[in-house]
Amino acid sequence: MLHTRIFTFNPLGTNCIVAWSDGAGACIIADPGMAREEEISALTDFIREKELSPEAIILTHGHFDHVWGVDALLEQFTVPVYMHPADSDIMSRITDGFRGMEHAFGFLKHSFKTKDIADGDVLSLAGTSWKVIHTPGHTPGGVCYYNQENSLLLSGDTLFAGAIGRTDLAGGDYDVLMDSILQKVMVLPGDTDVIPGHGHPTSIGREAQTNPFLEPFNLPEE
């Protein structure tokens, strides 16, 4: 059985997900956006209380609020960090989007390396399998991670409960994002649970029926 624990970190309310399977003794960490020491401690204390060993960090995209705590984790755990290479340019200029906010958010440290992933890859990690679904539009390298066995999608900033990712930042493209959502995400089974990069969990079926950004394509209630 797959278990998940959602932490909400940093002033932008980024969802960080810890996922693990019964008996595996290992876990993955998605989008560790911890901005302060107490947030880092909250995550690492939980991992140790559950007696889990992190096996990998997976990133849905390269925006600073989703990668804020990666370096802090790598100081404690030696694990690979997976990200789509199309976001390498965003990562190289990661402090550009952060500049001017240091007084409110603290300081961003970024020095980690990433391992490339591609659309259709299947990552077998911590007793779980995650299919990489490349969903550009919010960023060029945005991805979702799909665990078919447990009907779970980590959607990052591609799809939210009642909303979609913003496309007005560097590398964003509304038409590309809508195509990603309609052609790659909304084709998943309706009972697929969705944990987005911000906000409350939802499901594919719920968004198909109620998401106002998908209204021309909404399905009638059964």
N, C-alpha and C. Protein backbone atom coordinates (compact mmCIF):
# COMPACT_ATOMS: atom_id res chain seq x y z
N MET A 1 0.84 -1.20 0.00
CA MET A 1 0.00 0.00 0.00
C MET A 1 0.88 1.25 0.00
N LEU A 2 0.50 2.21 -0.81
CA LEU A 2 1.25 3.47 -0.89
C LEU A 2 0.73 4.46 0.14
N HIS A 3 1.65 5.09 0.85
CA HIS A 3 1.31 6.12 1.82
C HIS A 3 1.91 7.45 1.38
N THR A 4 1.21 8.52 1.67
CA THR A 4 1.73 9.85 1.37
C THR A 4 1.52 10.78 2.57
N ARG A 5 2.41 11.70 2.70
CA ARG A 5 2.28 12.76 3.71
C ARG A 5 2.60 14.07 3.02
N ILE A 6 1.67 15.00 3.09
CA ILE A 6 1.83 16.30 2.44
C ILE A 6 2.25 17.34 3.47
N PHE A 7 3.35 18.02 3.18
CA PHE A 7 3.77 19.17 3.95
C PHE A 7 3.58 20.41 3.08
N THR A 8 3.17 21.51 3.69
CA THR A 8 3.05 22.76 2.96
C THR A 8 4.10 23.73 3.48
N PHE A 9 5.03 24.10 2.59
CA PHE A 9 6.21 24.87 3.00
C PHE A 9 6.29 26.21 2.29
N ASN A 10 7.04 27.09 2.91
CA ASN A 10 7.45 28.41 2.40
C ASN A 10 6.26 29.36 2.23
N PRO A 11 6.53 30.65 2.09
CA PRO A 11 5.43 31.62 2.02
C PRO A 11 4.51 31.46 0.81
N LEU A 12 4.94 30.69 -0.18
CA LEU A 12 4.09 30.46 -1.34
C LEU A 12 3.24 29.20 -1.21
N GLY A 13 3.35 28.51 -0.08
CA GLY A 13 2.50 27.36 0.20
C GLY A 13 2.70 26.19 -0.75
N THR A 14 3.96 25.82 -0.97
CA THR A 14 4.27 24.72 -1.87
C THR A 14 4.07 23.38 -1.17
N ASN A 15 3.40 22.47 -1.85
CA ASN A 15 3.19 21.12 -1.30
C ASN A 15 4.42 20.26 -1.56
N CYS A 16 4.98 19.73 -0.48
CA CYS A 16 6.05 18.74 -0.54
C CYS A 16 5.45 17.41 -0.13
N ILE A 17 5.72 16.37 -0.92
CA ILE A 17 5.09 15.07 -0.68
C ILE A 17 6.15 14.03 -0.34
N VAL A 18 5.93 13.33 0.75
CA VAL A 18 6.73 12.15 1.07
C VAL A 18 5.86 10.94 0.74
N ALA A 19 6.40 10.00 -0.04
CA ALA A 19 5.65 8.81 -0.44
C ALA A 19 6.46 7.56 -0.13
N TRP A 20 5.78 6.54 0.42
CA TRP A 20 6.46 5.30 0.74
C TRP A 20 5.46 4.14 0.72
N SER A 21 5.99 2.93 0.57
CA SER A 21 5.15 1.73 0.54
C SER A 21 5.39 0.90 1.79
N ASP A 22 4.38 0.15 2.17
CA ASP A 22 4.51 -0.75 3.31
C ASP A 22 5.70 -1.68 3.13
N GLY A 23 6.53 -1.77 4.14
CA GLY A 23 7.62 -2.72 4.14
C GLY A 23 8.84 -2.32 3.35
N ALA A 24 8.78 -1.21 2.63
CA ALA A 24 9.91 -0.82 1.80
C ALA A 24 11.05 -0.22 2.62
N GLY A 25 10.69 0.52 3.67
CA GLY A 25 11.70 1.15 4.50
C GLY A 25 12.36 2.34 3.85
N ALA A 26 11.89 2.71 2.67
CA ALA A 26 12.46 3.83 1.92
C ALA A 26 11.33 4.75 1.48
N CYS A 27 11.69 5.95 1.05
CA CYS A 27 10.68 6.91 0.61
C CYS A 27 11.25 7.78 -0.50
N ILE A 28 10.36 8.46 -1.19
CA ILE A 28 10.76 9.51 -2.11
C ILE A 28 10.23 10.82 -1.58
N ILE A 29 10.86 11.90 -1.97
CA ILE A 29 10.44 13.24 -1.56
C ILE A 29 10.24 14.06 -2.82
N ALA A 30 9.04 14.57 -3.00
CA ALA A 30 8.73 15.38 -4.17
C ALA A 30 8.63 16.85 -3.79
N ASP A 31 9.33 17.68 -4.55
CA ASP A 31 9.27 19.14 -4.41
C ASP A 31 9.51 19.63 -2.99
N PRO A 32 10.71 19.40 -2.47
CA PRO A 32 11.01 19.87 -1.10
C PRO A 32 11.26 21.38 -1.07
N GLY A 33 10.22 22.13 -0.77
CA GLY A 33 10.32 23.58 -0.82
C GLY A 33 10.56 24.25 0.52
N MET A 34 11.23 23.56 1.43
CA MET A 34 11.43 24.13 2.77
C MET A 34 12.28 25.40 2.69
N ALA A 35 11.81 26.46 3.37
CA ALA A 35 12.50 27.74 3.30
C ALA A 35 13.20 28.10 4.61
N ARG A 36 12.83 27.44 5.69
CA ARG A 36 13.40 27.80 6.98
C ARG A 36 13.79 26.55 7.76
N GLU A 37 14.62 26.75 8.77
CA GLU A 37 15.14 25.61 9.53
C GLU A 37 14.03 24.78 10.16
N GLU A 38 12.98 25.44 10.65
CA GLU A 38 11.91 24.68 11.28
C GLU A 38 11.17 23.81 10.27
N GLU A 39 11.11 24.26 9.01
CA GLU A 39 10.48 23.44 7.98
C GLU A 39 11.36 22.25 7.61
N ILE A 40 12.64 22.48 7.53
CA ILE A 40 13.57 21.38 7.28
C ILE A 40 13.46 20.33 8.39
N SER A 41 13.42 20.79 9.63
CA SER A 41 13.32 19.87 10.76
C SER A 41 12.00 19.11 10.74
N ALA A 42 10.91 19.78 10.38
CA ALA A 42 9.61 19.11 10.34
C ALA A 42 9.64 17.92 9.38
N LEU A 43 10.27 18.13 8.23
CA LEU A 43 10.35 17.06 7.24
C LEU A 43 11.29 15.94 7.68
N THR A 44 12.48 16.29 8.09
CA THR A 44 13.46 15.26 8.45
C THR A 44 13.06 14.52 9.73
N ASP A 45 12.42 15.22 10.66
CA ASP A 45 11.94 14.54 11.87
C ASP A 45 10.88 13.50 11.52
N PHE A 46 9.99 13.85 10.60
CA PHE A 46 8.95 12.92 10.18
C PHE A 46 9.57 11.68 9.54
N ILE A 47 10.54 11.89 8.67
CA ILE A 47 11.19 10.77 7.98
C ILE A 47 11.84 9.84 8.99
N ARG A 48 12.50 10.41 9.96
CA ARG A 48 13.18 9.58 10.96
C ARG A 48 12.18 8.90 11.90
N GLU A 49 11.10 9.59 12.24
CA GLU A 49 10.08 8.97 13.10
C GLU A 49 9.45 7.76 12.42
N LYS A 50 9.29 7.84 11.12
CA LYS A 50 8.72 6.73 10.35
C LYS A 50 9.77 5.68 10.01
N GLU A 51 11.02 5.95 10.40
CA GLU A 51 12.13 5.04 10.13
C GLU A 51 12.27 4.77 8.63
N LEU A 52 12.19 5.86 7.86
CA LEU A 52 12.32 5.78 6.42
C LEU A 52 13.70 6.27 5.98
N SER A 53 14.13 5.76 4.86
CA SER A 53 15.39 6.18 4.27
C SER A 53 15.10 6.79 2.89
N PRO A 54 15.32 8.09 2.70
CA PRO A 54 15.05 8.69 1.39
C PRO A 54 15.88 8.03 0.30
N GLU A 55 15.22 7.71 -0.81
CA GLU A 55 15.90 7.08 -1.93
C GLU A 55 16.10 8.04 -3.10
N ALA A 56 15.25 9.07 -3.18
CA ALA A 56 15.37 10.02 -4.28
C ALA A 56 14.55 11.26 -3.97
N ILE A 57 14.93 12.34 -4.62
CA ILE A 57 14.13 13.56 -4.65
C ILE A 57 13.64 13.72 -6.08
N ILE A 58 12.35 13.92 -6.26
CA ILE A 58 11.80 14.12 -7.60
C ILE A 58 11.20 15.52 -7.66
N LEU A 59 11.48 16.22 -8.74
CA LEU A 59 11.02 17.59 -8.92
C LEU A 59 10.03 17.67 -10.07
N THR A 60 8.91 18.35 -9.84
CA THR A 60 7.94 18.54 -10.92
C THR A 60 8.38 19.63 -11.88
N HIS A 61 9.15 20.59 -11.39
CA HIS A 61 9.71 21.64 -12.25
C HIS A 61 10.74 22.42 -11.45
N GLY A 62 11.36 23.41 -12.12
CA GLY A 62 12.52 24.06 -11.52
C GLY A 62 12.29 25.37 -10.82
N HIS A 63 11.04 25.78 -10.57
CA HIS A 63 10.82 27.05 -9.88
C HIS A 63 11.34 27.00 -8.45
N PHE A 64 11.83 28.14 -7.97
CA PHE A 64 12.54 28.17 -6.69
C PHE A 64 11.73 27.66 -5.51
N ASP A 65 10.41 27.90 -5.53
CA ASP A 65 9.61 27.49 -4.37
C ASP A 65 9.43 25.98 -4.29
N HIS A 66 9.78 25.26 -5.36
CA HIS A 66 9.67 23.80 -5.35
C HIS A 66 11.01 23.12 -5.09
N VAL A 67 12.09 23.86 -5.15
CA VAL A 67 13.42 23.27 -4.97
C VAL A 67 14.16 23.88 -3.78
N TRP A 68 13.49 24.73 -3.04
CA TRP A 68 14.12 25.54 -1.99
C TRP A 68 14.94 24.71 -1.01
N GLY A 69 14.41 23.55 -0.63
CA GLY A 69 15.06 22.76 0.42
C GLY A 69 15.93 21.62 -0.07
N VAL A 70 16.17 21.53 -1.38
CA VAL A 70 16.93 20.40 -1.91
C VAL A 70 18.33 20.33 -1.31
N ASP A 71 19.05 21.45 -1.34
CA ASP A 71 20.42 21.44 -0.81
C ASP A 71 20.45 21.04 0.66
N ALA A 72 19.47 21.52 1.43
CA ALA A 72 19.43 21.17 2.85
C ALA A 72 19.24 19.67 3.04
N LEU A 73 18.42 19.04 2.20
CA LEU A 73 18.23 17.60 2.30
C LEU A 73 19.49 16.84 1.90
N LEU A 74 20.16 17.33 0.87
CA LEU A 74 21.35 16.64 0.39
C LEU A 74 22.50 16.73 1.39
N GLU A 75 22.42 17.67 2.32
CA GLU A 75 23.42 17.71 3.39
C GLU A 75 23.25 16.54 4.36
N GLN A 76 22.04 15.97 4.39
CA GLN A 76 21.74 14.87 5.31
C GLN A 76 21.57 13.52 4.62
N PHE A 77 21.14 13.54 3.35
CA PHE A 77 20.87 12.30 2.63
C PHE A 77 21.52 12.36 1.25
N THR A 78 22.27 11.33 0.90
CA THR A 78 22.91 11.28 -0.41
C THR A 78 21.98 10.55 -1.37
N VAL A 79 21.23 11.32 -2.15
CA VAL A 79 20.23 10.73 -3.05
C VAL A 79 20.27 11.49 -4.38
N PRO A 80 19.82 10.84 -5.46
CA PRO A 80 19.72 11.54 -6.74
C PRO A 80 18.53 12.50 -6.74
N VAL A 81 18.63 13.52 -7.59
CA VAL A 81 17.55 14.50 -7.74
C VAL A 81 17.12 14.47 -9.21
N TYR A 82 15.88 14.09 -9.45
CA TYR A 82 15.38 13.93 -10.82
C TYR A 82 14.59 15.15 -11.27
N MET A 83 14.89 15.63 -12.50
CA MET A 83 14.18 16.76 -13.07
C MET A 83 14.29 16.70 -14.58
N HIS A 84 13.31 17.22 -15.29
CA HIS A 84 13.36 17.26 -16.75
C HIS A 84 14.39 18.30 -17.19
N PRO A 85 15.26 17.96 -18.16
CA PRO A 85 16.33 18.88 -18.55
C PRO A 85 15.85 20.17 -19.22
N ALA A 86 14.59 20.20 -19.69
CA ALA A 86 14.09 21.42 -20.31
C ALA A 86 13.96 22.57 -19.32
N ASP A 87 14.05 22.26 -18.04
CA ASP A 87 14.03 23.33 -17.03
C ASP A 87 15.43 23.72 -16.57
N SER A 88 16.45 23.24 -17.25
CA SER A 88 17.82 23.57 -16.83
C SER A 88 18.08 25.07 -16.93
N ASP A 89 17.49 25.74 -17.92
CA ASP A 89 17.70 27.18 -18.05
C ASP A 89 17.05 27.92 -16.90
N ILE A 90 15.86 27.48 -16.50
CA ILE A 90 15.20 28.08 -15.33
C ILE A 90 16.06 27.88 -14.10
N MET A 91 16.63 26.70 -13.95
CA MET A 91 17.47 26.43 -12.79
C MET A 91 18.74 27.29 -12.81
N SER A 92 19.27 27.54 -13.98
CA SER A 92 20.50 28.35 -14.06
C SER A 92 20.24 29.80 -13.70
N ARG A 93 18.98 30.22 -13.82
CA ARG A 93 18.62 31.60 -13.48
C ARG A 93 17.65 31.64 -12.31
N ILE A 94 17.78 30.65 -11.42
CA ILE A 94 16.77 30.46 -10.39
C ILE A 94 16.66 31.67 -9.45
N THR A 95 17.75 32.35 -9.20
CA THR A 95 17.68 33.49 -8.28
C THR A 95 17.05 34.72 -8.92
N ASP A 96 16.88 34.72 -10.26
CA ASP A 96 16.24 35.86 -10.91
C ASP A 96 14.82 36.05 -10.41
N GLY A 97 14.06 34.94 -10.33
CA GLY A 97 12.69 35.03 -9.88
C GLY A 97 12.57 35.28 -8.39
N PHE A 98 13.66 35.10 -7.69
CA PHE A 98 13.67 35.25 -6.23
C PHE A 98 14.12 36.64 -5.80
N ARG A 99 14.84 37.31 -6.70
CA ARG A 99 15.46 38.58 -6.34
C ARG A 99 14.41 39.59 -5.86
N GLY A 100 14.72 40.27 -4.78
CA GLY A 100 13.84 41.27 -4.21
C GLY A 100 12.93 40.73 -3.13
N MET A 101 12.90 39.42 -2.93
CA MET A 101 12.03 38.82 -1.93
C MET A 101 12.80 38.29 -0.73
N GLU A 102 14.12 38.49 -0.73
CA GLU A 102 14.94 37.94 0.35
C GLU A 102 14.51 38.45 1.72
N HIS A 103 14.08 39.71 1.77
CA HIS A 103 13.70 40.29 3.06
C HIS A 103 12.49 39.59 3.67
N ALA A 104 11.64 39.02 2.80
CA ALA A 104 10.43 38.36 3.29
C ALA A 104 10.60 36.85 3.44
N PHE A 105 11.42 36.27 2.57
CA PHE A 105 11.48 34.82 2.51
C PHE A 105 12.77 34.22 3.03
N GLY A 106 13.78 35.01 3.31
CA GLY A 106 15.08 34.45 3.66
C GLY A 106 15.94 34.36 2.42
N PHE A 107 16.92 33.51 2.42
CA PHE A 107 17.86 33.44 1.31
C PHE A 107 17.83 32.06 0.65
N LEU A 108 17.95 32.06 -0.65
CA LEU A 108 17.89 30.84 -1.42
C LEU A 108 19.29 30.32 -1.72
N LYS A 109 19.52 29.07 -1.39
CA LYS A 109 20.78 28.40 -1.69
C LYS A 109 20.52 27.35 -2.76
N HIS A 110 21.36 27.34 -3.79
CA HIS A 110 21.15 26.38 -4.86
C HIS A 110 22.48 25.96 -5.45
N SER A 111 22.83 24.69 -5.28
CA SER A 111 24.08 24.20 -5.85
C SER A 111 23.97 22.75 -6.32
N PHE A 112 22.80 22.15 -6.24
CA PHE A 112 22.66 20.72 -6.50
C PHE A 112 22.62 20.41 -8.01
N LYS A 113 22.98 19.18 -8.32
CA LYS A 113 22.92 18.67 -9.69
C LYS A 113 21.68 17.79 -9.83
N THR A 114 21.19 17.66 -11.05
CA THR A 114 20.00 16.85 -11.29
C THR A 114 20.28 15.74 -12.30
N LYS A 115 19.46 14.69 -12.24
CA LYS A 115 19.49 13.61 -13.20
C LYS A 115 18.32 13.79 -14.17
N ASP A 116 18.60 13.65 -15.47
CA ASP A 116 17.57 13.89 -16.47
C ASP A 116 16.49 12.81 -16.47
N ILE A 117 15.27 13.25 -16.71
CA ILE A 117 14.15 12.35 -16.94
C ILE A 117 13.48 12.77 -18.24
N ALA A 118 12.70 11.86 -18.83
CA ALA A 118 12.02 12.14 -20.08
C ALA A 118 10.61 11.59 -20.05
N ASP A 119 9.77 12.11 -20.92
CA ASP A 119 8.39 11.66 -21.00
C ASP A 119 8.34 10.16 -21.22
N GLY A 120 7.55 9.48 -20.40
CA GLY A 120 7.40 8.04 -20.52
C GLY A 120 8.33 7.22 -19.66
N ASP A 121 9.35 7.86 -19.09
CA ASP A 121 10.23 7.13 -18.17
C ASP A 121 9.42 6.59 -17.00
N VAL A 122 9.85 5.46 -16.47
CA VAL A 122 9.25 4.90 -15.26
C VAL A 122 10.35 4.81 -14.21
N LEU A 123 10.17 5.53 -13.13
CA LEU A 123 11.14 5.53 -12.04
C LEU A 123 10.68 4.54 -10.99
N SER A 124 11.48 3.52 -10.76
CA SER A 124 11.18 2.54 -9.72
C SER A 124 11.97 2.92 -8.48
N LEU A 125 11.28 3.48 -7.51
CA LEU A 125 11.93 4.07 -6.35
C LEU A 125 11.15 3.72 -5.08
N ALA A 126 11.87 3.33 -4.05
CA ALA A 126 11.29 3.11 -2.73
C ALA A 126 10.08 2.18 -2.77
N GLY A 127 10.17 1.15 -3.58
CA GLY A 127 9.07 0.20 -3.66
C GLY A 127 7.87 0.70 -4.43
N THR A 128 8.01 1.80 -5.17
CA THR A 128 6.92 2.37 -5.94
C THR A 128 7.40 2.64 -7.36
N SER A 129 6.45 2.74 -8.30
CA SER A 129 6.78 3.05 -9.68
C SER A 129 6.05 4.33 -10.09
N TRP A 130 6.79 5.24 -10.71
CA TRP A 130 6.23 6.53 -11.10
C TRP A 130 6.52 6.79 -12.57
N LYS A 131 5.47 6.91 -13.35
CA LYS A 131 5.63 7.25 -14.76
C LYS A 131 5.78 8.75 -14.91
N VAL A 132 6.78 9.17 -15.66
CA VAL A 132 7.01 10.59 -15.91
C VAL A 132 6.12 11.02 -17.07
N ILE A 133 5.29 12.02 -16.83
CA ILE A 133 4.44 12.60 -17.87
C ILE A 133 4.89 14.04 -18.09
N HIS A 134 5.53 14.29 -19.22
CA HIS A 134 6.03 15.64 -19.51
C HIS A 134 4.84 16.54 -19.84
N THR A 135 4.63 17.58 -19.04
CA THR A 135 3.48 18.47 -19.21
C THR A 135 3.95 19.92 -19.27
N PRO A 136 4.64 20.30 -20.35
CA PRO A 136 5.12 21.69 -20.45
C PRO A 136 3.96 22.67 -20.53
N GLY A 137 4.27 23.91 -20.25
CA GLY A 137 3.27 24.98 -20.30
C GLY A 137 3.44 25.94 -19.14
N HIS A 138 3.51 25.39 -17.92
CA HIS A 138 3.86 26.22 -16.77
C HIS A 138 5.35 26.54 -16.84
N THR A 139 6.14 25.52 -17.08
CA THR A 139 7.55 25.66 -17.44
C THR A 139 7.81 24.69 -18.58
N PRO A 140 8.91 24.88 -19.33
CA PRO A 140 9.20 23.96 -20.44
C PRO A 140 9.43 22.52 -19.99
N GLY A 141 9.96 22.35 -18.78
CA GLY A 141 10.27 21.02 -18.29
C GLY A 141 9.34 20.51 -17.22
N GLY A 142 8.18 21.08 -17.11
CA GLY A 142 7.23 20.63 -16.10
C GLY A 142 6.80 19.19 -16.35
N VAL A 143 6.70 18.42 -15.28
CA VAL A 143 6.25 17.03 -15.39
C VAL A 143 5.25 16.72 -14.28
N CYS A 144 4.47 15.67 -14.52
CA CYS A 144 3.67 15.04 -13.48
C CYS A 144 4.23 13.64 -13.27
N TYR A 145 4.03 13.10 -12.08
CA TYR A 145 4.45 11.74 -11.76
C TYR A 145 3.21 10.92 -11.46
N TYR A 146 3.06 9.81 -12.19
CA TYR A 146 1.83 9.01 -12.10
C TYR A 146 2.14 7.62 -11.57
N ASN A 147 1.48 7.28 -10.46
CA ASN A 147 1.57 5.94 -9.90
C ASN A 147 0.27 5.23 -10.21
N GLN A 148 0.31 4.40 -11.26
CA GLN A 148 -0.91 3.75 -11.75
C GLN A 148 -1.47 2.77 -10.74
N GLU A 149 -0.58 2.03 -10.05
CA GLU A 149 -1.03 0.99 -9.12
C GLU A 149 -1.90 1.56 -8.03
N ASN A 150 -1.64 2.77 -7.62
CA ASN A 150 -2.40 3.38 -6.54
C ASN A 150 -3.24 4.57 -6.98
N SER A 151 -3.36 4.73 -8.30
CA SER A 151 -4.21 5.78 -8.89
C SER A 151 -3.90 7.15 -8.28
N LEU A 152 -2.62 7.53 -8.35
CA LEU A 152 -2.19 8.80 -7.77
C LEU A 152 -1.33 9.57 -8.76
N LEU A 153 -1.62 10.85 -8.89
CA LEU A 153 -0.85 11.75 -9.74
C LEU A 153 -0.31 12.90 -8.91
N LEU A 154 0.99 13.13 -8.99
CA LEU A 154 1.60 14.33 -8.43
C LEU A 154 1.69 15.32 -9.58
N SER A 155 0.85 16.35 -9.56
CA SER A 155 0.67 17.19 -10.75
C SER A 155 1.51 18.46 -10.74
N GLY A 156 2.27 18.70 -9.67
CA GLY A 156 3.07 19.92 -9.65
C GLY A 156 2.21 21.15 -9.88
N ASP A 157 2.69 22.07 -10.72
CA ASP A 157 1.92 23.28 -11.02
C ASP A 157 1.25 23.19 -12.39
N THR A 158 1.01 21.97 -12.85
CA THR A 158 0.27 21.79 -14.10
C THR A 158 -1.23 21.93 -13.86
N LEU A 159 -1.74 21.19 -12.89
CA LEU A 159 -3.18 21.18 -12.59
C LEU A 159 -3.39 21.33 -11.10
N PHE A 160 -4.32 22.22 -10.74
CA PHE A 160 -4.70 22.43 -9.34
C PHE A 160 -6.17 22.08 -9.16
N ALA A 161 -6.60 22.06 -7.91
CA ALA A 161 -8.03 21.94 -7.63
C ALA A 161 -8.71 23.24 -8.07
N GLY A 162 -9.47 23.18 -9.13
CA GLY A 162 -10.19 24.34 -9.62
C GLY A 162 -9.36 25.34 -10.38
N ALA A 163 -8.16 24.99 -10.77
CA ALA A 163 -7.30 25.95 -11.47
C ALA A 163 -6.24 25.21 -12.27
N ILE A 164 -5.44 25.98 -13.01
CA ILE A 164 -4.31 25.43 -13.74
C ILE A 164 -3.09 26.28 -13.41
N GLY A 165 -1.92 25.82 -13.80
CA GLY A 165 -0.71 26.58 -13.53
C GLY A 165 -0.67 27.90 -14.28
N ARG A 166 -0.02 28.88 -13.69
CA ARG A 166 0.12 30.17 -14.35
C ARG A 166 1.09 30.04 -15.52
N THR A 167 0.89 30.89 -16.52
CA THR A 167 1.72 30.82 -17.72
C THR A 167 2.35 32.16 -18.07
N ASP A 168 2.34 33.09 -17.13
CA ASP A 168 2.88 34.42 -17.40
C ASP A 168 4.33 34.57 -16.96
N LEU A 169 4.95 33.49 -16.46
CA LEU A 169 6.35 33.54 -16.08
C LEU A 169 7.22 33.07 -17.25
N ALA A 170 8.52 33.29 -17.13
CA ALA A 170 9.44 32.91 -18.20
C ALA A 170 9.27 31.44 -18.55
N GLY A 171 9.12 31.15 -19.84
CA GLY A 171 8.96 29.77 -20.29
C GLY A 171 7.53 29.28 -20.28
N GLY A 172 6.61 30.09 -19.77
CA GLY A 172 5.22 29.67 -19.72
C GLY A 172 4.52 29.87 -21.05
N ASP A 173 3.54 29.01 -21.33
CA ASP A 173 2.78 29.10 -22.59
C ASP A 173 1.40 28.49 -22.35
N TYR A 174 0.37 29.33 -22.42
CA TYR A 174 -0.99 28.89 -22.10
C TYR A 174 -1.46 27.77 -23.02
N ASP A 175 -1.28 27.95 -24.33
CA ASP A 175 -1.75 26.94 -25.27
C ASP A 175 -1.05 25.60 -25.06
N VAL A 176 0.25 25.67 -24.78
CA VAL A 176 1.00 24.44 -24.54
C VAL A 176 0.52 23.77 -23.26
N LEU A 177 0.26 24.56 -22.22
CA LEU A 177 -0.22 23.99 -20.96
C LEU A 177 -1.58 23.33 -21.14
N MET A 178 -2.49 24.00 -21.84
CA MET A 178 -3.81 23.42 -22.05
C MET A 178 -3.71 22.11 -22.83
N ASP A 179 -2.83 22.08 -23.82
CA ASP A 179 -2.65 20.85 -24.58
C ASP A 179 -2.10 19.74 -23.67
N SER A 180 -1.15 20.10 -22.80
CA SER A 180 -0.61 19.11 -21.86
C SER A 180 -1.69 18.54 -20.97
N ILE A 181 -2.52 19.42 -20.44
CA ILE A 181 -3.57 18.99 -19.51
C ILE A 181 -4.60 18.11 -20.22
N LEU A 182 -5.06 18.55 -21.39
CA LEU A 182 -6.13 17.84 -22.06
C LEU A 182 -5.65 16.53 -22.69
N GLN A 183 -4.44 16.54 -23.23
CA GLN A 183 -3.96 15.37 -23.96
C GLN A 183 -3.25 14.35 -23.07
N LYS A 184 -2.71 14.80 -21.92
CA LYS A 184 -1.89 13.90 -21.12
C LYS A 184 -2.40 13.66 -19.70
N VAL A 185 -3.14 14.63 -19.17
CA VAL A 185 -3.59 14.51 -17.78
C VAL A 185 -5.05 14.10 -17.69
N MET A 186 -5.91 14.78 -18.41
CA MET A 186 -7.34 14.51 -18.30
C MET A 186 -7.74 13.18 -18.94
N VAL A 187 -6.82 12.52 -19.61
CA VAL A 187 -7.11 11.20 -20.18
C VAL A 187 -6.89 10.09 -19.15
N LEU A 188 -6.36 10.44 -17.98
CA LEU A 188 -6.18 9.44 -16.92
C LEU A 188 -7.54 9.07 -16.33
N PRO A 189 -7.65 7.91 -15.69
CA PRO A 189 -8.94 7.50 -15.11
C PRO A 189 -9.48 8.55 -14.14
N GLY A 190 -10.80 8.69 -14.15
CA GLY A 190 -11.43 9.71 -13.32
C GLY A 190 -11.20 9.53 -11.84
N ASP A 191 -10.95 8.30 -11.39
CA ASP A 191 -10.75 8.07 -9.96
C ASP A 191 -9.30 8.29 -9.54
N THR A 192 -8.49 8.84 -10.43
CA THR A 192 -7.10 9.14 -10.07
C THR A 192 -7.04 10.31 -9.10
N ASP A 193 -6.48 10.08 -7.93
CA ASP A 193 -6.27 11.17 -6.97
C ASP A 193 -5.14 12.06 -7.46
N VAL A 194 -5.27 13.35 -7.19
CA VAL A 194 -4.28 14.32 -7.64
C VAL A 194 -3.78 15.13 -6.45
N ILE A 195 -2.47 15.13 -6.25
CA ILE A 195 -1.86 16.04 -5.27
C ILE A 195 -1.13 17.11 -6.07
N PRO A 196 -1.64 18.35 -6.03
CA PRO A 196 -1.02 19.42 -6.82
C PRO A 196 0.13 20.07 -6.08
N GLY A 197 0.81 20.97 -6.78
CA GLY A 197 1.96 21.66 -6.19
C GLY A 197 1.58 22.70 -5.16
N HIS A 198 0.33 23.14 -5.17
CA HIS A 198 -0.20 24.10 -4.20
C HIS A 198 -1.67 23.77 -3.99
N GLY A 199 -2.17 24.02 -2.79
CA GLY A 199 -3.59 23.85 -2.54
C GLY A 199 -3.99 22.43 -2.19
N HIS A 200 -5.30 22.20 -2.22
CA HIS A 200 -5.86 20.94 -1.73
C HIS A 200 -5.78 19.83 -2.78
N PRO A 201 -5.70 18.57 -2.33
CA PRO A 201 -5.80 17.44 -3.27
C PRO A 201 -7.16 17.45 -3.98
N THR A 202 -7.18 16.78 -5.12
CA THR A 202 -8.41 16.69 -5.91
C THR A 202 -8.39 15.36 -6.64
N SER A 203 -9.15 15.24 -7.71
CA SER A 203 -9.14 14.03 -8.53
C SER A 203 -9.34 14.43 -9.98
N ILE A 204 -8.99 13.55 -10.88
CA ILE A 204 -9.18 13.82 -12.30
C ILE A 204 -10.67 13.99 -12.60
N GLY A 205 -11.51 13.12 -12.04
CA GLY A 205 -12.94 13.21 -12.29
C GLY A 205 -13.54 14.52 -11.81
N ARG A 206 -13.12 14.96 -10.63
CA ARG A 206 -13.63 16.21 -10.09
C ARG A 206 -13.24 17.40 -10.97
N GLU A 207 -12.00 17.40 -11.43
CA GLU A 207 -11.57 18.52 -12.27
C GLU A 207 -12.23 18.47 -13.64
N ALA A 208 -12.49 17.28 -14.16
CA ALA A 208 -13.18 17.15 -15.44
C ALA A 208 -14.58 17.75 -15.37
N GLN A 209 -15.19 17.68 -14.21
CA GLN A 209 -16.57 18.15 -14.06
C GLN A 209 -16.67 19.60 -13.60
N THR A 210 -15.67 20.08 -12.86
CA THR A 210 -15.87 21.36 -12.18
C THR A 210 -14.80 22.42 -12.44
N ASN A 211 -13.66 22.06 -12.99
CA ASN A 211 -12.58 23.05 -13.14
C ASN A 211 -12.99 24.11 -14.16
N PRO A 212 -13.09 25.37 -13.74
CA PRO A 212 -13.58 26.41 -14.67
C PRO A 212 -12.67 26.63 -15.87
N PHE A 213 -11.39 26.33 -15.74
CA PHE A 213 -10.47 26.49 -16.86
C PHE A 213 -10.69 25.42 -17.92
N LEU A 214 -11.41 24.36 -17.56
CA LEU A 214 -11.67 23.28 -18.50
C LEU A 214 -13.14 23.25 -18.90
N GLU A 215 -13.87 24.33 -18.64
CA GLU A 215 -15.32 24.34 -18.83
C GLU A 215 -15.77 23.90 -20.23
N PRO A 216 -15.11 24.35 -21.30
CA PRO A 216 -15.59 23.87 -22.61
C PRO A 216 -15.51 22.37 -22.78
N PHE A 217 -14.73 21.73 -21.91
CA PHE A 217 -14.50 20.30 -22.03
C PHE A 217 -15.07 19.53 -20.84
N ASN A 218 -15.80 20.23 -19.95
CA ASN A 218 -16.32 19.56 -18.75
C ASN A 218 -17.24 18.41 -19.14
N LEU A 219 -17.19 17.37 -18.36
CA LEU A 219 -18.05 16.21 -18.57
C LEU A 219 -19.31 16.35 -17.70
N PRO A 220 -20.44 15.86 -18.17
CA PRO A 220 -21.66 15.92 -17.35
C PRO A 220 -21.54 14.97 -16.17
N GLU A 221 -22.19 15.33 -15.07
CA GLU A 221 -22.19 14.45 -13.92
C GLU A 221 -23.00 13.20 -14.24
N GLU A 222 -22.52 12.09 -13.73
CA GLU A 222 -23.24 10.84 -13.97
C GLU A 222 -24.45 10.73 -13.04
